[in-house]
Amino acid sequence: MNLFTDFSDRVRNAVYAATSMSLDVSKVVVEPTRDPAHGDLATNAALVLAKEFGSKPRDLAELIVGRLREDPDIAELEIAGPGFINMRLGPNVWPTLLERVLEAGDRYGSAIRRAGGPVNVEYVSANPTGPMHVGHCRGAVFGDALCNLLAFAGFDVTREYYVNDAGAQVDVLARSAFLRYREALGQEIGTIPEGLYPGDYLKPVGQALADLHGDALLNMPEAEWLPLVRAAAIDSMLAMIRDDLEALNIRHDVFFSERSLTVPEDKVSLTLADLRDKNLVYEGRLPPPKGQLPEDWEDREQTLFRTVGFGDDVDRPLVKSDGTFTYFASDVAYMRDKLERGFSELIFVLGADHGGYVKRLEAVGAGLSAGLAHVDVKLVQLVRLFRAGEPVRMSKRSGDFVTLRDVVDEVGRDAVRFMMLFRKNDAVLDFDFAKVVEQSRENPVFYVQYAHARARSVLRNAAEAGFSAETADLSRLSDAGEIGLIRRIAEFPRMIEAAALTHEPHRIAFYLHDLASDFHSHWNRGNDATHLRFIIPDDSRLTNARLALVLAFASVLSTGLGLLGVAAPEEMR
């Protein structure tokens, strides 16, 4: 049951009945009041419809309120400010809602939308040239939680990783691995040359090559050994990346190879031909970039994608001066491949340094699909690492940065996943190794998990004493703290819908923290006033009702944590 969808329908019906007009109610919303003292729900109906109706907002509000008074589930109505309508719900609404929450169990709040085509979420996509760093970690957690959220909300989701296994960077990887191969054969390699990857993570690759080939590669020219070493190194790096992601319980459905865009079939050339047929490319000149000209700037006629016509700042080149394709051309071919696979919604999770890609990717999606596909690029900001307030900068494993695995191994999966989502993706995140493992209220992941453990403890203790939520008379729940907790539980489906449609999984973490705070506050009230405790030994009906509330709370908290990929512990020591 989505309380807000239900009452949105009631408000819209009241509008139609009060005005006898078919007004555009698409902007009418029902939401929680900011202050419970003003009621349970508020609607903007009169404000957004007054102009179309031809009256003042408060006059229209009077008409709408007149109809809403006929609703038996609304106890009080108030017109506030310029025309907001506040509603206080009747006492029977909350027990009914709680009953439906318990019936739905871990599906409460799910499947808000089933219409529309499949969704492709591409995230992580780190170059397969070494271990993933903590910046990749944040993008990985964000993308995975977003996929969990969309799937829970009823979308058909594919989790995709784009493997950059073509281009100069993988040749550098191969030469770096070849150096470690020579080392494994006993040769002295000295200091790693500038431009090669220095990390120790390539030593196992070198040893594996030595075990497989012996010293045979030493007698080959680079043109022969390079593809062999490159393939082995890429396979090894992808295995390491998968293993690191597994530490975060992240698994992709598709690992798409960039190399597959040209081998065995040249999909980039086919894409360019398709663009020509659709008049989406032309031969022209680009204006020079603003400011100082780069050394490699060429004022020449070139093949350009008409991205400006789809919202980009400048048309984008597809072919270099030497006749080879630009990296952007591969991006276009890759997106065309996704569209041909049937995806109508494409989500890209990229690092903050890819801000310049947003408009061009949106333009490519619009151009290739004739505006039918929707592209959303989510940028994930930097993570700054601290230990007890002091910056953390280096990793022995990587050679020059802190790896994803370093962080997970030190503080655990739950702390990493929750804290990476406890700030909006486009805001810089400060991650302190010491603070995220504190057992205190100031540590959000502990605070939320402890609330679940507390709730499960109540349920265990009650069961041992012979109480059961299955025989609960929910009308016994009347304390303000109890109703407040139900009101918060009622917000869960609305939050899920908003988070799914805006692609913002951080909303789940924020909501869970608020939900846990409500529970802890009510628990503390019971410490001061024994009649508010969940278990009242001489009143089984009240105890059973409160157990039902605790059970619903624990279920929603567990569901939300599951969407974040965080455990809901039965107990904490």
Protein backbone atom coordinates (compact mmCIF):
# COMPACT_ATOMS: atom_id res chain seq x y z
CA MET A 1 0.00 0.00 0.00
CA ASN A 2 1.30 3.42 -1.00
CA LEU A 3 -0.52 5.82 1.29
CA PHE A 4 0.44 8.82 -0.81
CA THR A 5 -0.69 7.31 -4.11
CA ASP A 6 -3.97 6.33 -2.46
CA PHE A 7 -4.69 9.82 -1.14
CA SER A 8 -3.45 11.46 -4.35
CA ASP A 9 -6.22 9.56 -6.13
CA ARG A 10 -8.73 10.69 -3.50
CA VAL A 11 -7.68 14.32 -3.85
CA ARG A 12 -7.92 14.18 -7.65
CA ASN A 13 -11.38 12.64 -7.42
CA ALA A 14 -12.38 15.40 -5.03
CA VAL A 15 -11.09 17.99 -7.52
CA TYR A 16 -13.17 16.53 -10.34
CA ALA A 17 -16.26 16.36 -8.13
CA ALA A 18 -15.79 19.90 -6.77
CA THR A 19 -15.11 21.61 -10.11
CA SER A 20 -17.05 19.43 -12.58
CA MET A 21 -14.08 20.04 -14.91
CA SER A 22 -11.43 17.80 -16.41
CA LEU A 23 -8.47 19.75 -15.05
CA ASP A 24 -4.83 18.77 -15.59
CA VAL A 25 -4.04 17.12 -12.25
CA SER A 26 -0.59 15.83 -13.28
CA LYS A 27 1.15 18.33 -10.96
CA VAL A 28 -1.06 17.59 -7.97
CA VAL A 29 0.95 15.91 -5.22
CA VAL A 30 0.22 14.61 -1.76
CA GLU A 31 3.16 14.56 0.62
CA PRO A 32 3.92 14.40 4.33
CA THR A 33 3.48 17.63 6.24
CA ARG A 34 6.74 19.14 7.41
CA ASP A 35 5.37 19.42 10.94
CA PRO A 36 3.06 16.64 12.26
CA ALA A 37 1.29 19.32 14.29
CA HIS A 38 -0.25 20.51 11.00
CA GLY A 39 -1.59 17.08 10.06
CA ASP A 40 -0.42 13.92 8.34
CA LEU A 41 -0.67 14.83 4.66
CA ALA A 42 -0.65 18.01 2.58
CA THR A 43 -1.62 18.70 -1.02
CA ASN A 44 -0.86 21.52 -3.44
CA ALA A 45 -3.98 20.81 -5.55
CA ALA A 46 -5.61 24.25 -5.17
CA LEU A 47 -2.34 26.08 -5.84
CA VAL A 48 -1.51 24.31 -9.11
CA LEU A 49 -5.08 24.22 -10.44
CA ALA A 50 -6.42 27.68 -9.49
CA LYS A 51 -5.31 29.42 -12.69
CA GLU A 52 -6.79 26.76 -14.96
CA PHE A 53 -9.99 26.73 -12.90
CA GLY A 54 -10.17 30.53 -12.92
CA SER A 55 -10.28 31.30 -9.22
CA LYS A 56 -8.09 32.20 -6.27
CA PRO A 57 -6.25 29.22 -4.74
CA ARG A 58 -7.98 29.52 -1.36
CA ASP A 59 -11.40 29.67 -3.02
CA LEU A 60 -10.66 26.48 -4.94
CA ALA A 61 -9.25 24.94 -1.77
CA GLU A 62 -12.60 25.54 -0.04
CA LEU A 63 -14.38 23.63 -2.81
CA ILE A 64 -11.93 20.72 -2.64
CA VAL A 65 -12.09 20.57 1.16
CA GLY A 66 -15.88 20.41 0.92
CA ARG A 67 -15.57 17.16 -1.02
CA LEU A 68 -12.75 15.73 1.07
CA ARG A 69 -14.89 16.09 4.20
CA GLU A 70 -16.98 13.24 2.83
CA ASP A 71 -13.98 10.87 3.09
CA PRO A 72 -14.33 8.75 6.25
CA ASP A 73 -10.56 8.30 6.53
CA ILE A 74 -9.90 12.03 6.89
CA ALA A 75 -10.52 13.32 10.40
CA GLU A 76 -9.51 16.98 10.03
CA LEU A 77 -8.90 19.41 7.17
CA GLU A 78 -7.18 22.79 7.18
CA ILE A 79 -6.42 25.36 4.50
CA ALA A 80 -2.99 26.84 5.17
CA GLY A 81 -1.05 29.73 3.68
CA PRO A 82 -1.89 30.61 0.09
CA GLY A 83 -3.95 27.47 -0.43
CA PHE A 84 -2.27 24.31 0.82
CA ILE A 85 -4.68 21.71 2.17
CA ASN A 86 -3.55 19.84 5.28
CA MET A 87 -5.19 16.55 6.21
CA ARG A 88 -5.17 14.66 9.47
CA LEU A 89 -6.08 11.04 8.97
CA GLY A 90 -8.53 9.07 11.07
CA PRO A 91 -7.24 6.62 13.68
CA ASN A 92 -8.27 3.57 11.63
CA VAL A 93 -5.91 4.41 8.77
CA TRP A 94 -2.72 3.51 10.66
CA PRO A 95 -3.72 0.00 11.82
CA THR A 96 -4.95 -0.79 8.31
CA LEU A 97 -1.71 0.39 6.77
CA LEU A 98 0.39 -1.54 9.26
CA GLU A 99 -1.61 -4.69 8.52
CA ARG A 100 -0.87 -4.32 4.81
CA VAL A 101 2.81 -3.74 5.48
CA LEU A 102 2.95 -7.01 7.40
CA GLU A 103 1.07 -8.83 4.64
CA ALA A 104 3.48 -7.53 1.98
CA GLY A 105 6.59 -8.39 3.99
CA ASP A 106 9.81 -7.82 2.06
CA ARG A 107 7.83 -6.81 -1.05
CA TYR A 108 6.35 -3.75 0.65
CA GLY A 109 7.12 -0.72 -1.49
CA SER A 110 8.15 -2.75 -4.56
CA ALA A 111 7.01 -2.82 -8.19
CA ILE A 112 5.99 0.80 -8.42
CA ARG A 113 6.35 0.66 -12.20
CA ARG A 114 6.37 -2.11 -14.79
CA ALA A 115 5.78 -0.13 -17.98
CA GLY A 116 8.56 0.83 -20.34
CA GLY A 117 11.48 -1.01 -21.87
CA PRO A 118 14.54 -2.57 -20.27
CA VAL A 119 17.17 -0.46 -18.52
CA ASN A 120 20.93 -0.74 -19.02
CA VAL A 121 23.12 0.52 -16.18
CA GLU A 122 26.81 0.74 -17.02
CA TYR A 123 28.98 1.27 -13.97
CA VAL A 124 32.55 0.83 -12.77
CA SER A 125 34.07 0.20 -16.25
CA ALA A 126 37.57 0.76 -14.85
CA ASN A 127 40.40 0.26 -17.33
CA PRO A 128 41.71 -3.32 -16.95
CA THR A 129 45.20 -2.08 -16.21
CA GLY A 130 45.35 -2.62 -12.46
CA PRO A 131 43.39 -2.86 -9.24
CA MET A 132 40.44 -0.55 -8.75
CA HIS A 133 40.94 2.50 -6.57
CA VAL A 134 38.60 3.96 -3.98
CA GLY A 135 37.00 6.25 -6.55
CA HIS A 136 35.93 3.19 -8.53
CA CYS A 137 34.62 1.81 -5.24
CA ARG A 138 32.12 4.63 -4.86
CA GLY A 139 30.90 4.30 -8.45
CA ALA A 140 30.62 0.54 -8.04
CA VAL A 141 28.50 0.81 -4.91
CA PHE A 142 26.34 3.56 -6.37
CA GLY A 143 25.71 1.63 -9.59
CA ASP A 144 24.97 -1.63 -7.82
CA ALA A 145 22.57 -0.04 -5.34
CA LEU A 146 20.85 1.78 -8.21
CA CYS A 147 20.36 -1.55 -10.00
CA ASN A 148 18.96 -3.12 -6.83
CA LEU A 149 16.59 -0.19 -6.44
CA LEU A 150 15.37 -0.27 -10.04
CA ALA A 151 14.83 -4.03 -9.97
CA PHE A 152 12.89 -3.74 -6.70
CA ALA A 153 10.76 -1.00 -8.26
CA GLY A 154 9.79 -3.27 -11.14
CA PHE A 155 12.27 -2.37 -13.88
CA ASP A 156 14.02 -4.92 -16.10
CA VAL A 157 17.67 -4.09 -15.37
CA THR A 158 20.94 -5.21 -16.96
CA ARG A 159 24.20 -4.50 -15.10
CA GLU A 160 26.99 -3.80 -17.57
CA TYR A 161 30.73 -3.26 -17.42
CA TYR A 162 32.50 -1.73 -20.43
CA VAL A 163 35.95 -3.24 -20.77
CA ASN A 164 38.45 -0.81 -22.30
CA ASP A 165 40.57 -3.57 -23.82
CA ALA A 166 41.64 -1.64 -26.92
CA GLY A 167 43.98 1.30 -27.33
CA ALA A 168 47.32 2.43 -26.03
CA GLN A 169 46.70 1.83 -22.32
CA VAL A 170 46.45 -1.96 -22.71
CA ASP A 171 49.67 -1.99 -24.72
CA VAL A 172 51.33 -0.18 -21.81
CA LEU A 173 49.85 -2.87 -19.55
CA ALA A 174 51.35 -5.58 -21.76
CA ARG A 175 54.81 -4.00 -21.71
CA SER A 176 54.57 -3.63 -17.92
CA ALA A 177 53.60 -7.31 -17.59
CA PHE A 178 56.45 -8.31 -19.91
CA LEU A 179 58.86 -6.54 -17.56
CA ARG A 180 57.50 -8.63 -14.68
CA TYR A 181 57.81 -11.72 -16.90
CA ARG A 182 61.50 -11.01 -17.32
CA GLU A 183 61.76 -10.53 -13.56
CA ALA A 184 60.07 -13.90 -12.97
CA LEU A 185 62.74 -15.49 -15.19
CA GLY A 186 65.43 -14.08 -12.90
CA GLN A 187 66.46 -11.03 -14.89
CA GLU A 188 67.31 -7.81 -13.09
CA ILE A 189 64.77 -5.18 -14.21
CA GLY A 190 65.84 -2.29 -11.98
CA THR A 191 63.52 0.68 -11.44
CA ILE A 192 60.23 0.51 -13.32
CA PRO A 193 60.60 2.92 -16.27
CA GLU A 194 58.47 6.04 -16.40
CA GLY A 195 55.21 5.41 -18.21
CA LEU A 196 54.83 1.76 -17.17
CA TYR A 197 52.64 0.48 -14.33
CA PRO A 198 54.79 0.03 -11.19
CA GLY A 199 52.47 -1.88 -8.86
CA ASP A 200 53.27 -5.32 -7.45
CA TYR A 201 49.94 -6.63 -8.75
CA LEU A 202 51.61 -7.49 -12.08
CA LYS A 203 54.13 -9.87 -10.51
CA PRO A 204 51.68 -12.82 -10.58
CA VAL A 205 50.99 -12.08 -14.24
CA GLY A 206 54.72 -12.21 -15.00
CA GLN A 207 55.07 -15.48 -13.09
CA ALA A 208 52.11 -17.03 -14.93
CA LEU A 209 53.65 -16.05 -18.27
CA ALA A 210 56.96 -17.58 -17.23
CA ASP A 211 55.25 -20.80 -16.13
CA LEU A 212 53.37 -21.04 -19.43
CA HIS A 213 55.98 -19.91 -21.94
CA GLY A 214 59.30 -20.39 -20.21
CA ASP A 215 61.81 -18.05 -21.88
CA ALA A 216 60.25 -18.40 -25.34
CA LEU A 217 58.83 -14.89 -25.36
CA LEU A 218 62.29 -13.41 -24.92
CA ASN A 219 63.24 -14.62 -28.37
CA MET A 220 60.20 -13.05 -30.08
CA PRO A 221 59.98 -9.54 -31.53
CA GLU A 222 57.56 -7.26 -29.73
CA ALA A 223 55.00 -7.51 -32.53
CA GLU A 224 54.68 -11.25 -31.74
CA TRP A 225 54.81 -11.29 -27.95
CA LEU A 226 52.74 -8.14 -27.38
CA PRO A 227 49.32 -9.63 -28.32
CA LEU A 228 50.03 -12.78 -26.27
CA VAL A 229 51.07 -10.84 -23.19
CA ARG A 230 48.28 -8.28 -23.64
CA ALA A 231 45.58 -10.97 -23.72
CA ALA A 232 47.01 -12.72 -20.67
CA ALA A 233 47.38 -9.46 -18.74
CA ILE A 234 43.85 -8.30 -19.55
CA ASP A 235 42.40 -11.66 -18.49
CA SER A 236 44.34 -11.49 -15.25
CA MET A 237 43.29 -7.89 -14.55
CA LEU A 238 39.62 -8.69 -15.21
CA ALA A 239 39.84 -11.67 -12.86
CA MET A 240 41.30 -9.37 -10.20
CA ILE A 241 38.60 -6.75 -10.85
CA ARG A 242 35.85 -9.37 -10.57
CA ASP A 243 37.38 -10.61 -7.33
CA ASP A 244 37.55 -7.09 -5.91
CA LEU A 245 33.94 -6.42 -6.89
CA GLU A 246 32.93 -9.73 -5.34
CA ALA A 247 34.33 -8.42 -2.04
CA LEU A 248 31.57 -5.80 -2.27
CA ASN A 249 29.05 -8.43 -3.42
CA ILE A 250 28.87 -6.80 -6.84
CA ARG A 251 28.35 -8.88 -9.97
CA HIS A 252 27.70 -7.66 -13.50
CA ASP A 253 25.48 -9.37 -16.05
CA VAL A 254 27.54 -8.25 -19.05
CA PHE A 255 31.23 -7.50 -19.57
CA PHE A 256 31.25 -5.74 -22.93
CA SER A 257 34.58 -5.71 -24.76
CA GLU A 258 35.60 -2.50 -26.54
CA ARG A 259 37.68 -4.68 -28.86
CA SER A 260 34.47 -6.43 -29.98
CA LEU A 261 33.44 -3.18 -31.68
CA THR A 262 36.12 -3.79 -34.31
CA VAL A 263 36.87 -7.53 -34.17
CA PRO A 264 35.60 -9.68 -35.81
CA GLU A 265 33.13 -7.16 -37.30
CA ASP A 266 33.91 -3.46 -37.66
CA LYS A 267 30.85 -2.06 -35.90
CA VAL A 268 32.34 1.43 -35.79
CA SER A 269 32.46 1.64 -39.59
CA LEU A 270 28.94 0.24 -39.79
CA THR A 271 27.79 2.86 -37.29
CA LEU A 272 29.35 5.67 -39.31
CA ALA A 273 27.62 4.41 -42.47
CA ASP A 274 24.33 4.30 -40.58
CA LEU A 275 24.85 7.88 -39.37
CA ARG A 276 25.47 9.02 -42.95
CA ASP A 277 22.25 7.36 -44.09
CA LYS A 278 20.36 9.26 -41.39
CA ASN A 279 22.11 12.55 -42.22
CA LEU A 280 23.56 12.71 -38.71
CA VAL A 281 27.13 13.37 -39.87
CA TYR A 282 28.70 15.90 -42.21
CA GLU A 283 32.10 17.14 -43.35
CA GLY A 284 32.92 20.46 -41.71
CA ARG A 285 35.27 22.52 -39.57
CA LEU A 286 35.16 23.09 -35.83
CA PRO A 287 35.81 26.49 -34.24
CA PRO A 288 39.01 26.60 -32.18
CA PRO A 289 38.59 25.97 -28.45
CA LYS A 290 38.28 29.03 -26.26
CA GLY A 291 41.45 30.25 -24.58
CA GLN A 292 44.94 29.07 -25.47
CA LEU A 293 45.08 26.70 -28.42
CA PRO A 294 46.46 23.22 -27.67
CA GLU A 295 49.63 22.24 -29.50
CA ASP A 296 47.87 19.51 -31.47
CA TRP A 297 45.04 21.78 -32.71
CA GLU A 298 44.31 21.32 -36.41
CA ASP A 299 42.03 23.63 -38.37
CA ARG A 300 40.85 21.09 -40.92
CA GLU A 301 37.73 19.67 -42.48
CA GLN A 302 36.63 16.52 -40.71
CA THR A 303 33.75 14.12 -40.21
CA LEU A 304 31.43 15.46 -37.49
CA PHE A 305 28.38 14.10 -35.65
CA ARG A 306 25.55 16.66 -35.50
CA THR A 307 25.42 16.55 -31.69
CA VAL A 308 24.62 20.28 -31.35
CA GLY A 309 21.19 19.56 -32.79
CA PHE A 310 20.58 17.28 -29.81
CA GLY A 311 21.76 19.59 -27.05
CA ASP A 312 25.55 19.32 -27.13
CA ASP A 313 27.86 22.37 -27.03
CA VAL A 314 29.76 21.48 -30.19
CA ASP A 315 29.56 18.89 -32.96
CA ARG A 316 31.93 16.00 -32.27
CA PRO A 317 34.61 14.58 -34.59
CA LEU A 318 34.46 10.90 -35.50
CA VAL A 319 37.65 10.47 -37.56
CA LYS A 320 41.20 11.55 -36.74
CA SER A 321 43.53 13.22 -39.23
CA ASP A 322 45.30 9.88 -39.79
CA GLY A 323 42.02 8.26 -40.82
CA THR A 324 41.49 6.23 -37.67
CA PHE A 325 38.38 6.61 -35.56
CA THR A 326 38.23 8.85 -32.50
CA TYR A 327 37.39 7.42 -29.10
CA PHE A 328 34.06 9.21 -29.43
CA ALA A 329 33.29 7.13 -32.52
CA SER A 330 33.66 4.00 -30.40
CA ASP A 331 31.30 5.54 -27.83
CA VAL A 332 28.71 6.09 -30.57
CA ALA A 333 29.07 2.52 -31.85
CA TYR A 334 28.78 1.20 -28.31
CA MET A 335 25.58 3.14 -27.65
CA ARG A 336 24.15 1.98 -30.98
CA ASP A 337 24.87 -1.59 -29.89
CA LYS A 338 22.94 -1.03 -26.66
CA LEU A 339 19.97 0.37 -28.54
CA GLU A 340 20.02 -2.58 -30.93
CA ARG A 341 19.91 -4.87 -27.90
CA GLY A 342 16.56 -3.28 -27.03
CA PHE A 343 17.41 -0.90 -24.19
CA SER A 344 15.23 2.20 -24.04
CA GLU A 345 16.80 3.67 -20.92
CA LEU A 346 20.57 3.98 -20.66
CA ILE A 347 22.26 4.98 -17.41
CA PHE A 348 25.98 5.70 -17.27
CA VAL A 349 27.75 5.97 -13.91
CA LEU A 350 30.96 7.92 -14.48
CA GLY A 351 33.64 9.57 -12.39
CA ALA A 352 33.57 13.31 -11.74
CA ASP A 353 36.36 13.84 -14.30
CA HIS A 354 33.93 12.81 -17.06
CA GLY A 355 31.70 15.85 -16.68
CA GLY A 356 32.39 16.81 -20.29
CA TYR A 357 30.79 13.57 -21.47
CA VAL A 358 27.31 14.29 -20.13
CA LYS A 359 25.92 16.42 -22.96
CA ARG A 360 27.61 14.43 -25.71
CA LEU A 361 26.28 11.08 -24.43
CA GLU A 362 22.79 12.53 -24.05
CA ALA A 363 23.06 13.92 -27.59
CA VAL A 364 24.22 10.60 -29.03
CA GLY A 365 21.35 8.75 -27.38
CA ALA A 366 18.81 11.26 -28.68
CA GLY A 367 20.29 11.24 -32.18
CA LEU A 368 20.62 7.49 -32.58
CA SER A 369 17.14 6.74 -31.20
CA ALA A 370 15.31 9.69 -32.78
CA GLY A 371 14.55 10.87 -29.26
CA LEU A 372 12.94 7.59 -28.16
CA ALA A 373 15.66 6.48 -25.74
CA HIS A 374 16.47 8.25 -22.49
CA VAL A 375 20.10 8.70 -21.41
CA ASP A 376 21.00 9.65 -17.85
CA VAL A 377 24.62 10.24 -16.88
CA LYS A 378 25.29 10.11 -13.14
CA LEU A 379 28.59 11.61 -12.06
CA VAL A 380 30.18 10.26 -8.90
CA GLN A 381 32.39 12.69 -7.04
CA LEU A 382 35.73 12.06 -5.39
CA VAL A 383 36.34 10.17 -2.16
CA ARG A 384 38.81 11.68 0.30
CA LEU A 385 40.28 9.12 2.67
CA PHE A 386 41.23 9.83 6.27
CA ARG A 387 42.35 7.83 9.25
CA ALA A 388 41.45 9.57 12.52
CA GLY A 389 41.41 12.86 10.65
CA GLU A 390 44.72 12.39 8.84
CA PRO A 391 44.75 11.99 5.02
CA VAL A 392 45.49 8.51 3.61
CA ARG A 393 47.22 8.56 0.25
CA MET A 394 49.24 5.47 -0.67
CA SER A 395 48.88 1.74 -1.17
CA LYS A 396 51.70 -0.77 -1.43
CA ARG A 397 49.62 -2.99 -3.65
CA SER A 398 48.96 -0.40 -6.34
CA GLY A 399 52.10 1.65 -6.01
CA ASP A 400 50.44 5.06 -5.99
CA PHE A 401 46.82 4.96 -4.79
CA VAL A 402 44.52 3.33 -2.23
CA THR A 403 42.70 0.37 -3.74
CA LEU A 404 39.10 -0.66 -3.36
CA ARG A 405 40.25 -3.88 -1.72
CA ASP A 406 42.38 -1.99 0.82
CA VAL A 407 39.27 -0.19 2.04
CA VAL A 408 36.97 -3.24 2.11
CA ASP A 409 39.54 -5.41 3.86
CA GLU A 410 40.08 -2.84 6.60
CA VAL A 411 36.53 -1.78 7.51
CA GLY A 412 34.25 -4.40 5.93
CA ARG A 413 31.67 -4.46 3.18
CA ASP A 414 28.77 -2.99 5.15
CA ALA A 415 30.62 0.12 6.27
CA VAL A 416 31.94 0.76 2.78
CA ARG A 417 28.60 0.30 1.02
CA PHE A 418 26.50 2.31 3.47
CA MET A 419 28.92 5.20 3.79
CA MET A 420 29.46 5.43 0.02
CA LEU A 421 25.71 6.00 -0.26
CA PHE A 422 25.24 8.26 2.75
CA ARG A 423 25.97 11.29 0.62
CA LYS A 424 24.55 12.31 -2.75
CA ASN A 425 26.66 11.04 -5.62
CA ASP A 426 27.59 14.50 -6.91
CA ALA A 427 29.02 15.64 -3.56
CA VAL A 428 32.61 14.95 -2.44
CA LEU A 429 32.71 12.22 0.21
CA ASP A 430 35.04 12.20 3.22
CA PHE A 431 35.63 8.62 4.39
CA ASP A 432 37.40 8.15 7.72
CA PHE A 433 38.57 4.59 8.44
CA ALA A 434 38.32 5.16 12.19
CA LYS A 435 34.88 6.76 12.27
CA VAL A 436 33.10 4.20 10.07
CA VAL A 437 33.84 1.39 12.51
CA GLU A 438 32.91 3.29 15.69
CA GLN A 439 30.04 1.83 17.68
CA SER A 440 28.35 5.14 18.26
CA ARG A 441 25.41 7.21 17.13
CA GLU A 442 27.80 9.33 15.08
CA ASN A 443 28.49 6.32 12.84
CA PRO A 444 25.43 6.05 10.53
CA VAL A 445 25.92 2.42 9.48
CA PHE A 446 26.24 1.26 13.10
CA TYR A 447 23.27 3.40 14.11
CA VAL A 448 21.01 1.85 11.46
CA GLN A 449 22.21 -1.73 11.87
CA TYR A 450 21.91 -1.47 15.65
CA ALA A 451 18.26 -0.45 15.26
CA HIS A 452 17.57 -3.68 13.38
CA ALA A 453 19.45 -5.75 15.95
CA ARG A 454 17.45 -4.08 18.73
CA ALA A 455 14.18 -4.85 16.99
CA ARG A 456 15.10 -8.50 16.47
CA SER A 457 16.11 -8.72 20.14
CA VAL A 458 12.66 -7.46 21.17
CA LEU A 459 10.99 -10.05 18.96
CA ARG A 460 13.15 -12.88 20.35
CA ASN A 461 12.53 -11.89 23.95
CA ALA A 462 8.80 -11.56 23.35
CA ALA A 463 8.59 -14.96 21.66
CA GLU A 464 10.38 -16.57 24.62
CA ALA A 465 7.78 -14.97 26.92
CA GLY A 466 4.91 -16.37 24.82
CA PHE A 467 3.79 -13.20 23.00
CA SER A 468 3.00 -13.18 19.28
CA ALA A 469 2.40 -10.48 16.68
CA GLU A 470 0.17 -12.89 14.75
CA THR A 471 -2.74 -12.29 17.15
CA ALA A 472 -2.29 -8.51 17.34
CA ASP A 473 -5.15 -6.04 17.69
CA LEU A 474 -3.48 -3.13 15.90
CA SER A 475 -6.09 -0.63 17.09
CA ARG A 476 -4.29 -0.68 20.46
CA LEU A 477 -1.48 1.39 18.93
CA SER A 478 -2.27 4.95 19.88
CA ASP A 479 0.82 6.56 21.42
CA ALA A 480 2.30 9.46 19.43
CA GLY A 481 5.63 7.65 19.13
CA GLU A 482 3.95 4.54 17.75
CA ILE A 483 1.91 6.52 15.23
CA GLY A 484 5.02 8.48 14.28
CA LEU A 485 6.84 5.25 13.54
CA ILE A 486 3.95 4.02 11.38
CA ARG A 487 3.92 7.35 9.55
CA ARG A 488 7.60 6.92 8.76
CA ILE A 489 7.01 3.35 7.56
CA ALA A 490 4.21 4.69 5.36
CA GLU A 491 6.74 6.90 3.55
CA PHE A 492 8.81 3.93 2.34
CA PRO A 493 6.98 3.24 -0.98
CA ARG A 494 6.93 6.95 -1.82
CA MET A 495 10.64 7.19 -1.13
CA ILE A 496 11.35 4.10 -3.26
CA GLU A 497 9.37 5.55 -6.16
CA ALA A 498 11.13 8.91 -6.00
CA ALA A 499 14.58 7.31 -5.65
CA ALA A 500 13.96 4.96 -8.58
CA LEU A 501 12.62 7.61 -10.93
CA THR A 502 15.41 10.09 -10.13
CA HIS A 503 18.13 7.40 -9.99
CA GLU A 504 19.16 8.46 -6.48
CA PRO A 505 19.84 5.47 -4.21
CA HIS A 506 21.25 7.77 -1.52
CA ARG A 507 17.63 8.55 -0.62
CA ILE A 508 17.35 5.03 0.80
CA ALA A 509 20.28 5.57 3.15
CA PHE A 510 18.86 8.89 4.32
CA TYR A 511 15.43 7.35 4.88
CA LEU A 512 16.82 4.39 6.83
CA HIS A 513 18.74 6.72 9.11
CA ASP A 514 15.54 8.68 9.83
CA LEU A 515 13.59 5.47 10.38
CA ALA A 516 16.24 4.13 12.75
CA SER A 517 16.27 7.46 14.59
CA ASP A 518 12.50 7.24 15.15
CA PHE A 519 12.86 3.73 16.53
CA HIS A 520 15.76 4.58 18.83
CA SER A 521 13.88 7.64 20.10
CA HIS A 522 10.79 5.59 20.90
CA TRP A 523 12.98 2.95 22.58
CA ASN A 524 14.53 5.65 24.78
CA ARG A 525 11.07 6.92 25.75
CA GLY A 526 10.33 3.42 26.98
CA ASN A 527 13.42 3.54 29.17
CA ASP A 528 11.98 6.59 30.92
CA ALA A 529 8.31 5.53 30.92
CA THR A 530 7.77 1.79 31.39
CA HIS A 531 4.21 1.86 30.02
CA LEU A 532 5.68 2.74 26.59
CA ARG A 533 7.92 -0.32 26.39
CA PHE A 534 7.31 -2.86 23.66
CA ILE A 535 6.74 -5.72 26.09
CA ILE A 536 4.14 -5.16 28.81
CA PRO A 537 4.02 -8.44 30.76
CA ASP A 538 0.46 -8.02 32.10
CA ASP A 539 -1.09 -6.74 28.84
CA SER A 540 -0.74 -9.33 26.07
CA ARG A 541 -3.02 -7.49 23.61
CA LEU A 542 -0.99 -4.30 23.79
CA THR A 543 2.29 -6.22 23.68
CA ASN A 544 1.24 -8.19 20.62
CA ALA A 545 0.21 -4.99 18.84
CA ARG A 546 3.55 -3.39 19.61
CA LEU A 547 5.34 -6.51 18.43
CA ALA A 548 3.54 -6.18 15.10
CA LEU A 549 4.87 -2.64 14.85
CA VAL A 550 8.40 -3.80 15.67
CA LEU A 551 8.09 -6.59 13.10
CA ALA A 552 6.97 -4.15 10.40
CA PHE A 553 9.77 -1.76 11.31
CA ALA A 554 12.39 -4.53 11.15
CA SER A 555 11.03 -5.73 7.80
CA VAL A 556 11.22 -2.30 6.19
CA LEU A 557 14.67 -1.63 7.63
CA SER A 558 15.91 -5.01 6.41
CA THR A 559 14.47 -4.43 2.94
CA GLY A 560 16.09 -1.02 2.68
CA LEU A 561 19.47 -2.28 3.86
CA GLY A 562 19.21 -5.13 1.35
CA LEU A 563 18.75 -2.63 -1.47
CA LEU A 564 21.94 -0.90 -0.36
CA GLY A 565 23.71 -4.26 -0.21
CA VAL A 566 24.19 -3.96 3.57
CA ALA A 567 23.47 -6.71 6.08
CA ALA A 568 20.61 -6.46 8.58
CA PRO A 569 22.16 -8.16 11.64
CA GLU A 570 20.09 -10.20 14.06
CA GLU A 571 22.35 -9.10 16.89
CA MET A 572 25.41 -6.94 17.45
CA ARG A 573 28.09 -7.43 20.07
